[in-house]
C-alpha atoms as a PDB file:
ATOM      1  CA  GLY A   1     -85.749 -85.359  37.759  1.00  0.00           C
ATOM      2  CA  ALA A   2     -86.443 -85.065  41.575  1.00  0.00           C
ATOM      3  CA  GLY A   3     -83.296 -83.333  42.103  1.00  0.00           C
ATOM      4  CA  THR A   4     -81.477 -86.957  43.367  1.00  0.00           C
ATOM      5  CA  TYR A   5     -77.907 -87.284  42.528  1.00  0.00           C
ATOM      6  CA  THR A   6     -75.481 -90.606  42.393  1.00  0.00           C
ATOM      7  CA  THR A   7     -71.467 -90.650  42.072  1.00  0.00           C
ATOM      8  CA  ALA A   8     -70.071 -91.637  38.646  1.00  0.00           C
ATOM      9  CA  ALA A   9     -67.423 -93.758  39.182  1.00  0.00           C
ATOM     10  CA  GLN A  10     -64.516 -92.364  36.783  1.00  0.00           C
ATOM     11  CA  PRO A  11     -61.263 -93.845  36.858  1.00  0.00           C
ATOM     12  CA  GLY A  12     -58.220 -91.503  37.055  1.00  0.00           C
ATOM     13  CA  PHE A  13     -60.137 -88.345  38.718  1.00  0.00           C
ATOM     14  CA  SER A  14     -59.029 -88.353  42.102  1.00  0.00           C
ATOM     15  CA  SER A  15     -55.420 -87.981  40.948  1.00  0.00           C
ATOM     16  CA  TYR A  16     -55.512 -84.251  40.643  1.00  0.00           C
ATOM     17  CA  SER A  17     -55.397 -81.504  43.091  1.00  0.00           C
ATOM     18  CA  SER A  18     -58.464 -79.518  40.392  1.00  0.00           C
ATOM     19  CA  THR A  19     -59.498 -76.101  41.054  1.00  0.00           C
ATOM     20  CA  ASP A  20     -62.804 -75.377  38.136  1.00  0.00           C
ATOM     21  CA  VAL A  21     -64.082 -77.270  35.549  1.00  0.00           C
ATOM     22  CA  ALA A  22     -65.905 -75.980  32.441  1.00  0.00           C
ATOM     23  CA  LEU A  23     -68.417 -78.080  30.487  1.00  0.00           C
ATOM     24  CA  GLY A  24     -68.877 -77.923  26.607  1.00  0.00           C
ATOM     25  CA  ASP A  25     -68.869 -79.477  23.299  1.00  0.00           C
ATOM     26  CA  LEU A  26     -65.018 -79.685  22.666  1.00  0.00           C
ATOM     27  CA  ASN A  27     -64.765 -82.109  19.500  1.00  0.00           C
ATOM     28  CA  GLY A  28     -68.051 -81.330  17.688  1.00  0.00           C
ATOM     29  CA  ASP A  29     -69.945 -84.592  18.838  1.00  0.00           C
ATOM     30  CA  GLY A  30     -73.030 -82.925  20.331  1.00  0.00           C
ATOM     31  CA  TRP A  31     -71.612 -84.203  24.074  1.00  0.00           C
ATOM     32  CA  PRO A  32     -70.214 -81.954  27.084  1.00  0.00           C
ATOM     33  CA  ASP A  33     -66.786 -82.539  27.562  1.00  0.00           C
ATOM     34  CA  ALA A  34     -64.230 -80.903  30.515  1.00  0.00           C
ATOM     35  CA  PHE A  35     -61.779 -78.581  30.957  1.00  0.00           C
ATOM     36  CA  VAL A  36     -60.156 -79.218  34.724  1.00  0.00           C
ATOM     37  CA  THR A  37     -57.952 -76.584  36.074  1.00  0.00           C
ATOM     38  CA  ASN A  38     -55.344 -77.891  38.629  1.00  0.00           C
ATOM     39  CA  HIS A  39     -52.792 -76.904  41.047  1.00  0.00           C
ATOM     40  CA  GLY A  40     -50.170 -78.144  37.799  1.00  0.00           C
ATOM     41  CA  LEU A  41     -50.899 -79.431  34.451  1.00  0.00           C
ATOM     42  CA  ASN A  42     -54.561 -78.775  33.384  1.00  0.00           C
ATOM     43  CA  THR A  43     -56.834 -81.458  31.909  1.00  0.00           C
ATOM     44  CA  VAL A  44     -59.093 -82.338  29.022  1.00  0.00           C
ATOM     45  CA  TRP A  45     -61.433 -84.639  29.762  1.00  0.00           C
ATOM     46  CA  ILE A  46     -63.681 -85.942  26.441  1.00  0.00           C
ATOM     47  CA  ASN A  47     -67.075 -87.792  26.908  1.00  0.00           C
ATOM     48  CA  THR A  48     -67.321 -91.186  25.565  1.00  0.00           C
ATOM     49  CA  ALA A  49     -70.663 -90.122  24.008  1.00  0.00           C
ATOM     50  CA  ASP A  50     -72.106 -92.993  24.824  1.00  0.00           C
ATOM     51  CA  GLY A  51     -74.773 -91.911  27.500  1.00  0.00           C
ATOM     52  CA  THR A  52     -73.409 -93.261  30.369  1.00  0.00           C
ATOM     53  CA  GLY A  53     -71.498 -89.993  31.303  1.00  0.00           C
ATOM     54  CA  THR A  54     -68.020 -91.614  31.025  1.00  0.00           C
ATOM     55  CA  TYR A  55     -65.185 -89.259  30.159  1.00  0.00           C
ATOM     56  CA  THR A  56     -61.727 -90.374  29.053  1.00  0.00           C
ATOM     57  CA  PRO A  57     -58.336 -87.741  29.195  1.00  0.00           C
ATOM     58  CA  THR A  58     -57.253 -86.552  26.132  1.00  0.00           C
ATOM     59  CA  GLY A  59     -53.550 -86.913  27.447  1.00  0.00           C
ATOM     60  CA  GLN A  60     -52.532 -83.325  26.129  1.00  0.00           C
ATOM     61  CA  SER A  61     -49.270 -82.120  27.290  1.00  0.00           C
ATOM     62  CA  GLY A  62     -48.117 -78.505  27.207  1.00  0.00           C
ATOM     63  CA  PHE A  63     -50.360 -76.884  29.505  1.00  0.00           C
ATOM     64  CA  GLY A  64     -47.878 -76.103  31.692  1.00  0.00           C
ATOM     65  CA  THR A  65     -47.689 -76.114  34.974  1.00  0.00           C
ATOM     66  CA  TYR A  66     -49.281 -72.936  36.498  1.00  0.00           C
ATOM     67  CA  SER A  67     -51.181 -72.781  39.409  1.00  0.00           C
ATOM     68  CA  SER A  68     -54.845 -72.118  37.598  1.00  0.00           C
ATOM     69  CA  THR A  69     -57.804 -71.667  39.656  1.00  0.00           C
ATOM     70  CA  ALA A  70     -60.386 -70.885  36.942  1.00  0.00           C
ATOM     71  CA  VAL A  71     -61.706 -71.373  33.635  1.00  0.00           C
ATOM     72  CA  ALA A  72     -64.253 -69.825  31.172  1.00  0.00           C
ATOM     73  CA  PHE A  73     -65.477 -71.447  27.669  1.00  0.00           C
ATOM     74  CA  GLY A  74     -66.574 -69.208  24.633  1.00  0.00           C
ATOM     75  CA  ASP A  75     -65.751 -69.115  20.993  1.00  0.00           C
ATOM     76  CA  ILE A  76     -62.768 -66.539  21.759  1.00  0.00           C
ATOM     77  CA  ASP A  77     -61.375 -66.836  18.307  1.00  0.00           C
ATOM     78  CA  GLY A  78     -64.605 -66.818  16.227  1.00  0.00           C
ATOM     79  CA  ASP A  79     -64.061 -69.818  14.283  1.00  0.00           C
ATOM     80  CA  GLY A  80     -67.096 -71.601  15.820  1.00  0.00           C
ATOM     81  CA  ASP A  81     -65.470 -73.726  18.533  1.00  0.00           C
ATOM     82  CA  LEU A  82     -64.976 -73.679  22.444  1.00  0.00           C
ATOM     83  CA  ASP A  83     -62.117 -72.122  23.645  1.00  0.00           C
ATOM     84  CA  ALA A  84     -60.801 -71.544  27.115  1.00  0.00           C
ATOM     85  CA  PHE A  85     -59.470 -68.612  29.149  1.00  0.00           C
ATOM     86  CA  VAL A  86     -57.491 -69.934  31.922  1.00  0.00           C
ATOM     87  CA  ALA A  87     -57.206 -67.289  35.430  1.00  0.00           C
ATOM     88  CA  ASN A  88     -53.821 -68.260  36.994  1.00  0.00           C
ATOM     89  CA  THR A  89     -52.488 -67.490  40.684  1.00  0.00           C
ATOM     90  CA  ASN A  90     -49.385 -66.963  42.465  1.00  0.00           C
ATOM     91  CA  GLY A  91     -48.166 -63.812  39.789  1.00  0.00           C
ATOM     92  CA  GLN A  92     -48.517 -66.084  36.805  1.00  0.00           C
ATOM     93  CA  ALA A  93     -49.775 -64.658  33.616  1.00  0.00           C
ATOM     94  CA  ASN A  94     -53.661 -65.706  32.752  1.00  0.00           C
ATOM     95  CA  ARG A  95     -53.573 -67.589  29.468  1.00  0.00           C
ATOM     96  CA  VAL A  96     -55.921 -68.156  26.630  1.00  0.00           C
ATOM     97  CA  TRP A  97     -55.967 -71.712  25.127  1.00  0.00           C
ATOM     98  CA  VAL A  98     -57.547 -71.958  21.500  1.00  0.00           C
ATOM     99  CA  ASN A  99     -59.147 -74.946  20.358  1.00  0.00           C
ATOM    100  CA  ASP A 100     -58.930 -76.441  16.835  1.00  0.00           C
ATOM    101  CA  GLY A 101     -62.343 -78.152  16.851  1.00  0.00           C
ATOM    102  CA  THR A 102     -61.447 -81.631  17.721  1.00  0.00           C
ATOM    103  CA  GLY A 103     -60.946 -80.858  21.653  1.00  0.00           C
ATOM    104  CA  ALA A 104     -57.072 -80.256  21.153  1.00  0.00           C
ATOM    105  CA  PHE A 105     -55.819 -77.025  22.109  1.00  0.00           C
ATOM    106  CA  ALA A 106     -52.943 -74.433  21.559  1.00  0.00           C
ATOM    107  CA  GLU A 107     -52.100 -71.192  23.555  1.00  0.00           C
ATOM    108  CA  MET A 108     -52.964 -68.531  21.616  1.00  0.00           C
ATOM    109  CA  ASP A 109     -49.951 -66.300  19.534  1.00  0.00           C
ATOM    110  CA  GLN A 110     -49.815 -62.607  20.443  1.00  0.00           C
ATOM    111  CA  ASP A 111     -47.828 -62.014  17.614  1.00  0.00           C
ATOM    112  CA  PRO A 112     -47.588 -64.730  14.967  1.00  0.00           C
ATOM    113  CA  VAL A 113     -44.429 -63.712  13.450  1.00  0.00           C
ATOM    114  CA  THR A 114     -42.300 -63.959  17.014  1.00  0.00           C
ATOM    115  CA  ALA A 115     -44.906 -66.586  18.422  1.00  0.00           C
ATOM    116  CA  GLY A 116     -45.194 -65.100  21.829  1.00  0.00           C
ATOM    117  CA  MET A 117     -47.869 -65.875  23.759  1.00  0.00           C
ATOM    118  CA  GLN A 118     -50.491 -63.738  25.608  1.00  0.00           C
ATOM    119  CA  GLY A 119     -49.230 -63.128  29.355  1.00  0.00           C
ATOM    120  CA  LEU A 120     -52.065 -61.341  30.441  1.00  0.00           C
ATOM    121  CA  GLY A 121     -51.375 -60.022  33.347  1.00  0.00           C
ATOM    122  CA  SER A 122     -49.038 -60.987  36.833  1.00  0.00           C
ATOM    123  CA  SER A 123     -51.756 -60.955  38.867  1.00  0.00           C
ATOM    124  CA  ASP A 124     -53.000 -63.239  41.187  1.00  0.00           C
ATOM    125  CA  SER A 125     -56.361 -64.472  39.718  1.00  0.00           C
ATOM    126  CA  THR A 126     -58.952 -65.987  41.142  1.00  0.00           C
ATOM    127  CA  GLY A 127     -62.405 -65.935  38.662  1.00  0.00           C
ATOM    128  CA  VAL A 128     -63.119 -65.038  35.172  1.00  0.00           C
ATOM    129  CA  ALA A 129     -66.132 -64.211  33.105  1.00  0.00           C
ATOM    130  CA  LEU A 130     -66.369 -64.522  29.462  1.00  0.00           C
ATOM    131  CA  ALA A 131     -69.114 -62.289  27.841  1.00  0.00           C
ATOM    132  CA  ASP A 132     -69.269 -59.359  24.962  1.00  0.00           C
ATOM    133  CA  ILE A 133     -68.694 -56.093  27.649  1.00  0.00           C
ATOM    134  CA  ASP A 134     -68.101 -53.806  25.125  1.00  0.00           C
ATOM    135  CA  GLY A 135     -70.516 -54.528  22.585  1.00  0.00           C
ATOM    136  CA  ASP A 136     -68.563 -55.330  19.414  1.00  0.00           C
ATOM    137  CA  GLY A 137     -69.744 -59.020  19.243  1.00  0.00           C
ATOM    138  CA  ASP A 138     -66.714 -60.914  20.646  1.00  0.00           C
ATOM    139  CA  LEU A 139     -65.767 -62.078  24.168  1.00  0.00           C
ATOM    140  CA  ASP A 140     -63.849 -59.942  26.568  1.00  0.00           C
ATOM    141  CA  ALA A 141     -62.751 -61.198  29.770  1.00  0.00           C
ATOM    142  CA  PHE A 142     -63.696 -59.943  33.166  1.00  0.00           C
ATOM    143  CA  VAL A 143     -60.908 -60.903  35.654  1.00  0.00           C
ATOM    144  CA  ALA A 144     -60.948 -61.394  39.535  1.00  0.00           C
ATOM    145  CA  ASN A 145     -58.198 -60.640  41.474  1.00  0.00           C
ATOM    146  CA  THR A 146     -56.850 -61.208  45.121  1.00  0.00           C
ATOM    147  CA  ASN A 147     -54.300 -60.222  47.450  1.00  0.00           C
ATOM    148  CA  GLY A 148     -55.684 -56.382  47.078  1.00  0.00           C
ATOM    149  CA  GLN A 149     -54.997 -56.379  43.352  1.00  0.00           C
ATOM    150  CA  ALA A 150     -57.417 -54.829  41.371  1.00  0.00           C
ATOM    151  CA  ASN A 151     -59.740 -56.753  38.866  1.00  0.00           C
ATOM    152  CA  ARG A 152     -59.303 -56.169  35.018  1.00  0.00           C
ATOM    153  CA  VAL A 153     -61.193 -56.143  31.811  1.00  0.00           C
ATOM    154  CA  TRP A 154     -59.245 -57.642  28.734  1.00  0.00           C
ATOM    155  CA  VAL A 155     -60.907 -56.291  25.507  1.00  0.00           C
ATOM    156  CA  ASN A 156     -60.740 -58.772  22.699  1.00  0.00           C
ATOM    157  CA  ASP A 157     -59.724 -57.693  19.044  1.00  0.00           C
ATOM    158  CA  GLY A 158     -61.842 -60.411  17.469  1.00  0.00           C
ATOM    159  CA  THR A 159     -59.307 -62.842  16.762  1.00  0.00           C
ATOM    160  CA  GLY A 160     -58.398 -63.934  20.300  1.00  0.00           C
ATOM    161  CA  ALA A 161     -56.012 -61.311  20.850  1.00  0.00           C
ATOM    162  CA  PHE A 162     -56.369 -59.561  24.005  1.00  0.00           C
ATOM    163  CA  THR A 163     -55.359 -56.542  25.438  1.00  0.00           C
ATOM    164  CA  ASP A 164     -55.748 -54.595  28.958  1.00  0.00           C
ATOM    165  CA  SER A 165     -58.639 -51.814  28.824  1.00  0.00           C
ATOM    166  CA  GLY A 166     -56.502 -50.018  31.935  1.00  0.00           C
ATOM    167  CA  GLN A 167     -59.541 -50.118  34.043  1.00  0.00           C
ATOM    168  CA  SER A 168     -58.347 -50.856  37.857  1.00  0.00           C
ATOM    169  CA  LEU A 169     -61.790 -52.146  39.356  1.00  0.00           C
ATOM    170  CA  GLY A 170     -61.299 -52.222  43.227  1.00  0.00           C
ATOM    171  CA  ASN A 171     -58.441 -53.201  45.227  1.00  0.00           C
ATOM    172  CA  SER A 172     -60.439 -56.267  47.275  1.00  0.00           C
ATOM    173  CA  ASP A 173     -59.523 -59.726  47.753  1.00  0.00           C
ATOM    174  CA  SER A 174     -61.814 -60.543  44.875  1.00  0.00           C
ATOM    175  CA  THR A 175     -62.638 -64.449  44.511  1.00  0.00           C
ATOM    176  CA  ASP A 176     -65.229 -64.693  41.310  1.00  0.00           C
ATOM    177  CA  ALA A 177     -66.737 -62.047  39.102  1.00  0.00           C
ATOM    178  CA  ALA A 178     -70.683 -62.863  37.212  1.00  0.00           C
ATOM    179  CA  LEU A 179     -71.528 -60.437  34.321  1.00  0.00           C
ATOM    180  CA  SER A 180     -75.541 -59.911  33.541  1.00  0.00           C
ATOM    181  CA  ASP A 181     -77.717 -57.185  32.630  1.00  0.00           C
ATOM    182  CA  ILE A 182     -78.254 -55.946  36.113  1.00  0.00           C
ATOM    183  CA  ASP A 183     -79.438 -52.886  36.117  1.00  0.00           C
ATOM    184  CA  GLY A 184     -81.471 -53.453  32.892  1.00  0.00           C
ATOM    185  CA  ASP A 185     -79.826 -51.044  30.646  1.00  0.00           C
ATOM    186  CA  GLY A 186     -79.059 -53.471  28.146  1.00  0.00           C
ATOM    187  CA  ASP A 187     -75.493 -54.030  28.758  1.00  0.00           C
ATOM    188  CA  LEU A 188     -73.600 -56.746  30.905  1.00  0.00           C
ATOM    189  CA  ASP A 189     -72.447 -55.420  34.381  1.00  0.00           C
ATOM    190  CA  ALA A 190     -70.365 -57.487  36.802  1.00  0.00           C
ATOM    191  CA  PHE A 191     -71.014 -58.887  40.405  1.00  0.00           C
ATOM    192  CA  VAL A 192     -67.963 -58.998  42.330  1.00  0.00           C
ATOM    193  CA  ALA A 193     -67.563 -61.374  45.406  1.00  0.00           C
ATOM    194  CA  ASN A 194     -64.526 -60.584  47.709  1.00  0.00           C
ATOM    195  CA  THR A 195     -63.377 -62.461  50.943  1.00  0.00           C
ATOM    196  CA  ASN A 196     -61.471 -61.391  54.137  1.00  0.00           C
ATOM    197  CA  GLY A 197     -64.040 -59.710  55.153  1.00  0.00           C
ATOM    198  CA  GLN A 198     -64.691 -57.366  52.294  1.00  0.00           C
ATOM    199  CA  ALA A 199     -67.830 -56.203  50.974  1.00  0.00           C
ATOM    200  CA  ASN A 200     -69.410 -57.579  47.802  1.00  0.00           C
ATOM    201  CA  LYS A 201     -69.393 -54.879  44.910  1.00  0.00           C
ATOM    202  CA  VAL A 202     -71.602 -54.326  41.633  1.00  0.00           C
ATOM    203  CA  TRP A 203     -69.776 -52.541  38.884  1.00  0.00           C
ATOM    204  CA  LEU A 204     -72.215 -50.526  36.343  1.00  0.00           C
ATOM    205  CA  ASN A 205     -71.119 -50.794  32.513  1.00  0.00           C
ATOM    206  CA  ASP A 206     -71.750 -47.746  30.232  1.00  0.00           C
ATOM    207  CA  GLY A 207     -72.521 -49.820  27.504  1.00  0.00           C
ATOM    208  CA  SER A 208     -68.797 -49.383  25.705  1.00  0.00           C
ATOM    209  CA  GLY A 209     -66.882 -51.821  28.649  1.00  0.00           C
ATOM    210  CA  VAL A 210     -66.354 -48.835  31.226  1.00  0.00           C
ATOM    211  CA  PHE A 211     -67.470 -49.879  34.800  1.00  0.00           C
ATOM    212  CA  THR A 212     -68.410 -47.643  37.399  1.00  0.00           C
ATOM    213  CA  ASP A 213     -68.661 -49.159  41.052  1.00  0.00           C
ATOM    214  CA  SER A 214     -72.620 -48.745  41.842  1.00  0.00           C
ATOM    215  CA  GLY A 215     -71.705 -47.392  45.714  1.00  0.00           C
ATOM    216  CA  GLN A 216     -73.496 -50.909  47.129  1.00  0.00           C
ATOM    217  CA  SER A 217     -71.283 -52.924  49.801  1.00  0.00           C
ATOM    218  CA  LEU A 218     -73.232 -56.137  50.226  1.00  0.00           C
ATOM    219  CA  GLY A 219     -72.071 -57.836  53.413  1.00  0.00           C
ATOM    220  CA  ASN A 220     -68.537 -57.985  54.658  1.00  0.00           C
ATOM    221  CA  SER A 221     -68.579 -62.045  54.327  1.00  0.00           C
ATOM    222  CA  ASP A 222     -65.993 -64.199  53.265  1.00  0.00           C
ATOM    223  CA  SER A 223     -67.265 -64.557  49.836  1.00  0.00           C
ATOM    224  CA  GLU A 224     -65.843 -67.192  47.528  1.00  0.00           C
ATOM    225  CA  GLY A 225     -68.429 -67.487  44.468  1.00  0.00           C
ATOM    226  CA  VAL A 226     -71.434 -65.962  42.701  1.00  0.00           C
ATOM    227  CA  ALA A 227     -73.913 -66.610  40.201  1.00  0.00           C
ATOM    228  CA  LEU A 228     -76.320 -64.250  38.627  1.00  0.00           C
ATOM    229  CA  SER A 229     -79.712 -65.216  37.496  1.00  0.00           C
ATOM    230  CA  ASP A 230     -83.467 -64.492  38.069  1.00  0.00           C
ATOM    231  CA  ILE A 231     -84.093 -66.664  41.173  1.00  0.00           C
ATOM    232  CA  ASP A 232     -87.332 -65.377  41.813  1.00  0.00           C
ATOM    233  CA  GLY A 233     -89.051 -64.970  39.095  1.00  0.00           C
ATOM    234  CA  ASP A 234     -89.293 -61.428  38.588  1.00  0.00           C
ATOM    235  CA  GLY A 235     -87.417 -60.855  35.131  1.00  0.00           C
ATOM    236  CA  ASP A 236     -84.123 -59.786  36.441  1.00  0.00           C
ATOM    237  CA  PRO A 237     -80.863 -60.940  37.621  1.00  0.00           C
ATOM    238  CA  ASP A 238     -80.369 -61.892  41.701  1.00  0.00           C
ATOM    239  CA  ALA A 239     -77.287 -62.928  43.360  1.00  0.00           C
ATOM    240  CA  PHE A 240     -76.519 -66.112  45.008  1.00  0.00           C
ATOM    241  CA  VAL A 241     -73.116 -66.120  46.747  1.00  0.00           C
ATOM    242  CA  THR A 242     -71.223 -68.410  48.666  1.00  0.00           C
ATOM    243  CA  ASN A 243     -69.298 -67.766  51.713  1.00  0.00           C
ATOM    244  CA  SER A 244     -66.520 -69.661  53.863  1.00  0.00           C
ATOM    245  CA  ASN A 245     -64.896 -69.672  57.340  1.00  0.00           C
ATOM    246  CA  GLY A 246     -68.589 -70.655  58.479  1.00  0.00           C
ATOM    247  CA  LYS A 247     -70.579 -67.893  57.283  1.00  0.00           C
ATOM    248  CA  SER A 248     -73.980 -68.610  55.886  1.00  0.00           C
ATOM    249  CA  ASN A 249     -74.561 -68.541  52.170  1.00  0.00           C
ATOM    250  CA  LYS A 250     -76.550 -65.530  50.651  1.00  0.00           C
ATOM    251  CA  LEU A 251     -79.102 -64.611  48.199  1.00  0.00           C
ATOM    252  CA  TRP A 252     -79.074 -61.068  47.022  1.00  0.00           C
ATOM    253  CA  ILE A 253     -82.420 -60.200  45.362  1.00  0.00           C
ATOM    254  CA  ASN A 254     -82.442 -57.476  42.862  1.00  0.00           C
ATOM    255  CA  ASP A 255     -84.876 -54.793  42.588  1.00  0.00           C
ATOM    256  CA  GLY A 256     -84.677 -54.265  38.793  1.00  0.00           C
ATOM    257  CA  THR A 257     -82.894 -51.082  39.129  1.00  0.00           C
ATOM    258  CA  GLY A 258     -79.767 -53.055  39.750  1.00  0.00           C
ATOM    259  CA  LYS A 259     -80.101 -52.426  43.946  1.00  0.00           C
ATOM    260  CA  PHE A 260     -79.952 -55.253  45.972  1.00  0.00           C
ATOM    261  CA  ALA A 261     -81.486 -56.382  49.167  1.00  0.00           C
ATOM    262  CA  GLU A 262     -80.370 -59.246  51.560  1.00  0.00           C
ATOM    263  CA  HIS A 263     -82.798 -62.337  51.773  1.00  0.00           C
ATOM    264  CA  SER A 264     -83.233 -63.002  55.261  1.00  0.00           C
ATOM    265  CA  GLN A 265     -82.806 -66.771  54.307  1.00  0.00           C
ATOM    266  CA  GLY A 266     -79.308 -68.397  55.505  1.00  0.00           C
ATOM    267  CA  LEU A 267     -78.406 -71.177  53.264  1.00  0.00           C
ATOM    268  CA  GLY A 268     -75.964 -73.295  55.087  1.00  0.00           C
ATOM    269  CA  THR A 269     -72.193 -72.603  57.127  1.00  0.00           C
ATOM    270  CA  SER A 270     -70.206 -75.432  55.203  1.00  0.00           C
ATOM    271  CA  ASN A 271     -67.508 -73.164  54.445  1.00  0.00           C
ATOM    272  CA  SER A 272     -68.808 -73.404  50.730  1.00  0.00           C
ATOM    273  CA  MET A 273     -66.694 -72.310  48.018  1.00  0.00           C
ATOM    274  CA  GLY A 274     -68.344 -72.522  44.489  1.00  0.00           C
ATOM    275  CA  LEU A 275     -71.343 -73.110  43.123  1.00  0.00           C
ATOM    276  CA  ALA A 276     -73.820 -73.398  40.059  1.00  0.00           C
ATOM    277  CA  LEU A 277     -77.494 -72.466  39.201  1.00  0.00           C
ATOM    278  CA  GLY A 278     -80.204 -74.916  37.388  1.00  0.00           C
ATOM    279  CA  ASP A 279     -83.408 -76.583  37.508  1.00  0.00           C
ATOM    280  CA  VAL A 280     -82.373 -79.346  39.474  1.00  0.00           C
ATOM    281  CA  ASP A 281     -85.713 -80.788  40.284  1.00  0.00           C
ATOM    282  CA  GLY A 282     -87.514 -79.968  37.121  1.00  0.00           C
ATOM    283  CA  ASP A 283     -90.378 -77.342  38.626  1.00  0.00           C
ATOM    284  CA  GLY A 284     -89.618 -74.603  36.656  1.00  0.00           C
ATOM    285  CA  ASP A 285     -87.202 -72.371  38.780  1.00  0.00           C
ATOM    286  CA  LEU A 286     -83.583 -72.083  39.710  1.00  0.00           C
ATOM    287  CA  ASP A 287     -82.079 -74.362  42.189  1.00  0.00           C
ATOM    288  CA  ALA A 288     -78.359 -74.245  43.516  1.00  0.00           C
ATOM    289  CA  PHE A 289     -75.584 -76.976  43.896  1.00  0.00           C
ATOM    290  CA  VAL A 290     -73.149 -75.624  46.275  1.00  0.00           C
ATOM    291  CA  ALA A 291     -69.571 -77.021  46.593  1.00  0.00           C
ATOM    292  CA  ASN A 292     -68.414 -77.269  50.497  1.00  0.00           C
ATOM    293  CA  MET A 293     -65.200 -77.959  52.535  1.00  0.00           C
ATOM    294  CA  SER A 294     -67.488 -80.427  53.645  1.00  0.00           C
ATOM    295  CA  PRO A 295     -70.327 -82.744  51.856  1.00  0.00           C
ATOM    296  CA  ASN A 296     -71.624 -80.779  49.032  1.00  0.00           C
ATOM    297  CA  THR A 297     -75.163 -79.265  49.035  1.00  0.00           C
ATOM    298  CA  VAL A 298     -78.226 -79.082  46.936  1.00  0.00           C
ATOM    299  CA  TRP A 299     -80.376 -76.313  47.836  1.00  0.00           C
ATOM    300  CA  LEU A 300     -83.921 -76.584  45.826  1.00  0.00           C
ATOM    301  CA  ASN A 301     -86.107 -73.067  45.308  1.00  0.00           C
ATOM    302  CA  GLN A 302     -89.156 -73.526  46.901  1.00  0.00           C
ATOM    303  CA  SER A 303     -90.573 -69.797  45.272  1.00  0.00           C
ATOM    304  CA  PRO A 304     -94.642 -70.441  45.408  1.00  0.00           C
ATOM    305  CA  VAL A 305     -96.419 -70.667  42.406  1.00  0.00           C
ATOM    306  CA  PRO A 306     -98.024 -67.344  40.930  1.00  0.00           C
ATOM    307  CA  GLU A 307    -101.837 -67.397  40.661  1.00  0.00           C
ATOM    308  CA  ILE A 308    -103.730 -65.212  38.567  1.00  0.00           C
ATOM    309  CA  THR A 309    -106.856 -64.517  39.268  1.00  0.00           C
ATOM    310  CA  ILE A 310    -109.739 -63.437  36.499  1.00  0.00           C
ATOM    311  CA  SER A 311    -112.771 -61.593  36.933  1.00  0.00           C
ATOM    312  CA  GLY A 312    -115.820 -62.471  34.237  1.00  0.00           C
ATOM    313  CA  GLY A 313    -119.142 -61.684  33.150  1.00  0.00           C
ATOM    314  CA  GLY A 314    -122.061 -63.761  33.557  1.00  0.00           C
ATOM    315  CA  GLY A 315    -121.536 -65.767  30.121  1.00  0.00           C
ATOM    316  CA  VAL A 316    -118.263 -67.365  31.607  1.00  0.00           C
ATOM    317  CA  SER A 317    -118.887 -71.050  32.113  1.00  0.00           C
ATOM    318  CA  PRO A 318    -117.176 -74.373  32.121  1.00  0.00           C
ATOM    319  CA  GLY A 319    -115.752 -75.521  28.717  1.00  0.00           C
ATOM    320  CA  CYS A 320    -114.834 -71.740  28.025  1.00  0.00           C
ATOM    321  CA  PHE A 321    -111.264 -71.062  26.864  1.00  0.00           C
ATOM    322  CA  ILE A 322    -109.693 -68.243  28.538  1.00  0.00           C
ATOM    323  CA  THR A 323    -106.825 -66.299  27.135  1.00  0.00           C
ATOM    324  CA  THR A 324    -104.733 -64.072  29.688  1.00  0.00           C
ATOM    325  CA  ALA A 325    -102.222 -61.593  27.807  1.00  0.00           C
ATOM    326  CA  LEU A 326     -99.127 -61.056  30.298  1.00  0.00           C
ATOM    327  CA  GLU A 327     -96.809 -57.991  30.097  1.00  0.00           C
ATOM    328  CA  ASN A 328     -93.941 -59.710  28.497  1.00  0.00           C
ATOM    329  CA  LEU A 329     -96.688 -60.074  25.587  1.00  0.00           C
ATOM    330  CA  ASP A 330     -96.766 -63.893  25.696  1.00  0.00           C
ATOM    331  CA  ALA A 331    -100.233 -65.545  26.425  1.00  0.00           C
ATOM    332  CA  VAL A 332    -101.295 -68.365  28.690  1.00  0.00           C
ATOM    333  CA  PHE A 333    -104.288 -70.651  27.132  1.00  0.00           C
ATOM    334  CA  ARG A 334    -106.378 -72.367  29.765  1.00  0.00           C
ATOM    335  CA  LYS A 335    -109.261 -74.802  29.691  1.00  0.00           C
ATOM    336  CA  LEU A 336    -111.756 -73.388  32.315  1.00  0.00           C
ATOM    337  CA  SER A 337    -112.812 -76.674  33.992  1.00  0.00           C
ATOM    338  CA  SER A 338    -114.422 -75.134  36.959  1.00  0.00           C
ATOM    339  CA  LEU A 339    -115.772 -71.958  38.489  1.00  0.00           C
ATOM    340  CA  PHE A 340    -114.831 -70.894  41.902  1.00  0.00           C
END
């Protein structure tokens, strides 16, 4: 609860050259398991479900020897369990792995008759985000590509079979992408992190899964990762962006319409790669856990607690109950203990 972490010894964890991890309940026992992408064979680790945070490998073979860079979980085929979309690089196709509900994965058949496996592109992919991009109720994929290759949107037909939307979204060296309703119009937009001195980009969705460049060029750092969430507590998604090559991580604040402004705070110069946001210290706001080439860092959000001033009549006295109506139609109930 204080935001302090200790290392849990895990046998076998050190024998891989890992690039990404996704956590979720893969076998239906209520405990978070792990799918880890590696330069080589990807691995699935099952939580021992004893409260110790210990994991054991499934030993599953057949994942191939891809140069995998990223993984995202979601119920891709609509059967109620978590499947995996894996991004690969070095010209290797991205892959969809479907879960049988026990944590055992099989590669998704594109054509059940010919048993042809889905090979989604041949780009150098570096990041993937799963969400309902086109509003039809299933999970689509926004894939970030590097080496001057355009980012891609892959549309799911509801069964887990993906087709290329045909959009070529930029030709930067992209490293990561995050989806959220950036401009407040009810659909999912994309914040894309770019590297090699190229500006980060915001792509706006028209609601049908068609994206247009917002025209914003956000920084010129070597960005490696991005996470979107309401960091400043004003109700819209902001962006925490990690940067490498000695450049400071950045916080980009959304004005609610999808326009971002750089926050003045510099958040470390430790050659950062990936990150995750969550309430690390239990104070109700979002903190950041940042993975670095040097020791990892935890950044605690110190946003000021909002204050409400209430002007009452002469009949207000200690012991009265006050109800404050808020913009979002919630209500705060507080017993008045003193007057000041």
